[in-house]
Structures are given as C-alpha cells and as structure tokens.
C-alpha cells in the first residue's frame, strides 16, 4: 500500500521514534549537501542498483522523501 503523509506526520513519526526507514531520492550531490537526519540516499538513477542494499527488509515501513531541482 502506498500512502502520502504530511511533513507534520513525518515529524511526529521521528519524534515518537517510530521504526521506519527514511529514504531521500535526491541526486547524490544534493544529498551530500544536506539531508534529513537518519535518511538514506537512493538516487532515482540508481534505484535498481541500490534498492536491495538500502532496503533489505521488505516488511519495513518506508517513507520516501522526494526533492525537486527547481
């Protein structure tokens, strides 16, 4: 199931220490410039290559954060 959560809901998950994986889909150079605490990087152009390594638990709660270059 795919659902959308707000920034406030994400902050609540972080504050409650809910178990989840935070994935930022930023290009690597943007991720290196700054990312949310605890986030792992999965650049859009490397999803097939890195997804299994970055997200090994197929039952994990995953929150994907997408940035914009504009």
N, C-alpha and C. Protein backbone atom coordinates (compact mmCIF):
# COMPACT_ATOMS: atom_id res chain seq x y z
N UNK A 1 0.83 -1.18 0.00
CA UNK A 1 0.00 0.00 0.00
C UNK A 1 0.88 1.24 0.00
N UNK A 2 0.52 2.21 -0.79
CA UNK A 2 1.24 3.48 -0.85
C UNK A 2 0.32 4.57 -0.31
N UNK A 3 0.85 5.33 0.64
CA UNK A 3 0.08 6.43 1.22
C UNK A 3 0.97 7.67 1.26
N UNK A 4 0.36 8.81 1.29
CA UNK A 4 1.09 10.07 1.39
C UNK A 4 0.91 10.59 2.81
N UNK A 5 2.02 11.07 3.40
CA UNK A 5 1.94 11.69 4.71
C UNK A 5 2.46 13.11 4.60
N UNK A 6 2.05 13.95 5.52
CA UNK A 6 2.48 15.34 5.53
C UNK A 6 3.81 15.48 6.25
N UNK A 7 4.38 16.65 6.15
CA UNK A 7 5.61 16.94 6.89
C UNK A 7 5.38 16.80 8.39
N UNK A 8 4.22 17.27 8.84
CA UNK A 8 3.89 17.17 10.27
C UNK A 8 3.79 15.72 10.71
N UNK A 9 3.19 14.88 9.88
CA UNK A 9 3.10 13.45 10.21
C UNK A 9 4.47 12.81 10.24
N UNK A 10 5.35 13.19 9.32
CA UNK A 10 6.71 12.67 9.32
C UNK A 10 7.43 13.11 10.59
N UNK A 11 7.29 14.37 10.96
CA UNK A 11 7.93 14.86 12.19
C UNK A 11 7.42 14.09 13.40
N UNK A 12 6.13 13.80 13.45
CA UNK A 12 5.58 13.03 14.56
C UNK A 12 6.19 11.63 14.61
N UNK A 13 6.35 10.99 13.45
CA UNK A 13 6.98 9.67 13.40
C UNK A 13 8.40 9.72 13.94
N UNK A 14 9.13 10.77 13.55
CA UNK A 14 10.50 10.93 14.02
C UNK A 14 10.52 11.17 15.53
N UNK A 15 9.67 12.08 16.00
CA UNK A 15 9.63 12.42 17.43
C UNK A 15 9.22 11.24 18.29
N UNK A 16 8.34 10.37 17.77
CA UNK A 16 7.89 9.18 18.52
C UNK A 16 8.90 8.03 18.43
N UNK A 17 9.91 8.20 17.59
CA UNK A 17 10.91 7.15 17.34
C UNK A 17 10.25 5.90 16.75
N UNK A 18 9.26 6.12 15.89
CA UNK A 18 8.62 5.00 15.19
C UNK A 18 9.67 4.28 14.35
N UNK A 19 9.57 2.96 14.25
CA UNK A 19 10.51 2.23 13.39
C UNK A 19 10.13 2.39 11.91
N UNK A 20 10.98 3.05 11.16
CA UNK A 20 10.77 3.20 9.73
C UNK A 20 12.09 3.58 9.08
N UNK A 21 12.14 3.41 7.78
CA UNK A 21 13.32 3.79 7.00
C UNK A 21 12.95 5.05 6.22
N UNK A 22 13.76 6.08 6.39
CA UNK A 22 13.54 7.33 5.66
C UNK A 22 14.49 7.34 4.47
N UNK A 23 13.91 7.42 3.28
CA UNK A 23 14.69 7.38 2.04
C UNK A 23 14.55 8.72 1.34
N UNK A 24 15.68 9.33 1.03
CA UNK A 24 15.67 10.56 0.23
C UNK A 24 16.09 10.19 -1.19
N UNK A 25 15.28 10.60 -2.14
CA UNK A 25 15.55 10.27 -3.54
C UNK A 25 16.20 11.43 -4.27
N UNK A 26 17.13 12.04 -3.58
CA UNK A 26 17.87 13.17 -4.16
C UNK A 26 19.06 12.67 -4.96
N UNK A 27 19.48 13.41 -5.96
CA UNK A 27 20.76 13.09 -6.59
C UNK A 27 21.85 13.12 -5.51
N UNK A 28 22.86 12.29 -5.68
CA UNK A 28 23.88 12.13 -4.65
C UNK A 28 24.52 13.45 -4.22
N UNK A 29 24.81 14.35 -5.16
CA UNK A 29 25.46 15.61 -4.80
C UNK A 29 24.55 16.46 -3.92
N UNK A 30 23.23 16.41 -4.14
CA UNK A 30 22.31 17.17 -3.30
C UNK A 30 22.19 16.55 -1.91
N UNK A 31 22.18 15.22 -1.85
CA UNK A 31 22.12 14.52 -0.57
C UNK A 31 23.35 14.88 0.27
N UNK A 32 24.51 14.94 -0.36
CA UNK A 32 25.75 15.28 0.35
C UNK A 32 25.71 16.71 0.89
N UNK A 33 24.99 17.60 0.22
CA UNK A 33 24.88 18.99 0.67
C UNK A 33 23.97 19.13 1.88
N UNK A 34 23.06 18.21 2.05
CA UNK A 34 22.16 18.25 3.19
C UNK A 34 20.99 17.31 3.02
N UNK A 35 20.66 16.62 4.10
CA UNK A 35 19.54 15.69 4.08
C UNK A 35 18.93 15.59 5.47
N UNK A 36 17.77 15.00 5.54
CA UNK A 36 17.10 14.83 6.81
C UNK A 36 17.90 13.86 7.69
N UNK A 37 17.94 14.11 8.99
CA UNK A 37 18.70 13.22 9.89
C UNK A 37 18.21 11.77 9.79
N UNK A 38 19.16 10.87 9.65
CA UNK A 38 18.85 9.45 9.58
C UNK A 38 18.42 8.94 8.22
N UNK A 39 18.30 9.83 7.25
CA UNK A 39 17.85 9.42 5.92
C UNK A 39 18.95 8.69 5.17
N UNK A 40 18.52 7.72 4.38
CA UNK A 40 19.45 7.04 3.46
C UNK A 40 19.16 7.57 2.06
N UNK A 41 20.16 7.55 1.22
CA UNK A 41 20.02 8.09 -0.12
C UNK A 41 19.78 6.98 -1.13
N UNK A 42 18.80 7.19 -1.98
CA UNK A 42 18.51 6.29 -3.08
C UNK A 42 18.22 7.14 -4.31
N UNK A 43 19.30 7.58 -4.98
CA UNK A 43 19.11 8.46 -6.14
C UNK A 43 18.25 7.79 -7.21
N UNK A 44 17.40 8.57 -7.85
CA UNK A 44 16.48 8.00 -8.85
C UNK A 44 17.19 7.19 -9.95
N UNK A 45 18.37 7.61 -10.33
CA UNK A 45 19.07 6.92 -11.42
C UNK A 45 19.79 5.65 -10.95
N UNK A 46 19.70 5.33 -9.63
CA UNK A 46 20.38 4.14 -9.12
C UNK A 46 19.45 3.22 -8.33
N UNK A 47 18.14 3.39 -8.50
CA UNK A 47 17.17 2.59 -7.74
C UNK A 47 17.39 1.09 -7.96
N UNK A 48 17.45 0.66 -9.20
CA UNK A 48 17.61 -0.77 -9.47
C UNK A 48 18.91 -1.32 -8.87
N UNK A 49 19.95 -0.53 -8.92
CA UNK A 49 21.26 -0.95 -8.43
C UNK A 49 21.30 -1.02 -6.90
N UNK A 50 20.69 -0.06 -6.21
CA UNK A 50 20.87 0.08 -4.77
C UNK A 50 19.68 -0.32 -3.90
N UNK A 51 18.51 -0.48 -4.46
CA UNK A 51 17.31 -0.70 -3.64
C UNK A 51 17.44 -1.89 -2.68
N UNK A 52 17.89 -3.02 -3.16
CA UNK A 52 18.00 -4.20 -2.30
C UNK A 52 18.99 -3.98 -1.16
N UNK A 53 20.03 -3.22 -1.42
CA UNK A 53 21.04 -2.94 -0.38
C UNK A 53 20.52 -1.92 0.63
N UNK A 54 19.88 -0.87 0.15
CA UNK A 54 19.39 0.21 1.01
C UNK A 54 18.14 -0.23 1.78
N UNK A 55 17.32 -1.08 1.16
CA UNK A 55 16.05 -1.51 1.75
C UNK A 55 15.97 -3.04 1.82
N UNK A 56 16.82 -3.68 2.64
CA UNK A 56 16.84 -5.14 2.67
C UNK A 56 15.61 -5.76 3.32
N UNK A 57 14.93 -5.06 4.24
CA UNK A 57 13.76 -5.59 4.93
C UNK A 57 12.50 -5.25 4.13
N UNK A 58 11.96 -6.23 3.45
CA UNK A 58 10.79 -6.00 2.59
C UNK A 58 9.53 -5.69 3.39
N UNK A 59 9.56 -5.89 4.71
CA UNK A 59 8.40 -5.61 5.56
C UNK A 59 8.53 -4.29 6.30
N UNK A 60 9.62 -3.57 6.08
CA UNK A 60 9.85 -2.31 6.79
C UNK A 60 8.88 -1.24 6.34
N UNK A 61 8.57 -0.36 7.27
CA UNK A 61 7.79 0.84 6.96
C UNK A 61 8.77 1.81 6.32
N UNK A 62 8.50 2.22 5.09
CA UNK A 62 9.42 3.09 4.35
C UNK A 62 8.72 4.41 4.03
N UNK A 63 9.42 5.50 4.34
CA UNK A 63 8.94 6.83 3.99
C UNK A 63 9.92 7.37 2.96
N UNK A 64 9.41 7.73 1.79
CA UNK A 64 10.25 8.24 0.72
C UNK A 64 10.04 9.74 0.62
N UNK A 65 11.14 10.48 0.66
CA UNK A 65 11.11 11.93 0.56
C UNK A 65 11.69 12.30 -0.80
N UNK A 66 10.91 13.00 -1.59
CA UNK A 66 11.36 13.40 -2.92
C UNK A 66 11.64 14.89 -2.95
N UNK A 67 12.78 15.24 -3.44
CA UNK A 67 13.13 16.64 -3.58
C UNK A 67 12.94 17.08 -5.02
N UNK A 68 13.15 18.36 -5.25
CA UNK A 68 12.99 18.92 -6.58
C UNK A 68 14.21 19.76 -6.91
N UNK A 69 14.62 19.73 -8.15
CA UNK A 69 15.75 20.53 -8.58
C UNK A 69 15.32 21.94 -8.98
N UNK A 70 14.03 22.21 -8.98
CA UNK A 70 13.54 23.52 -9.39
C UNK A 70 13.18 24.37 -8.20
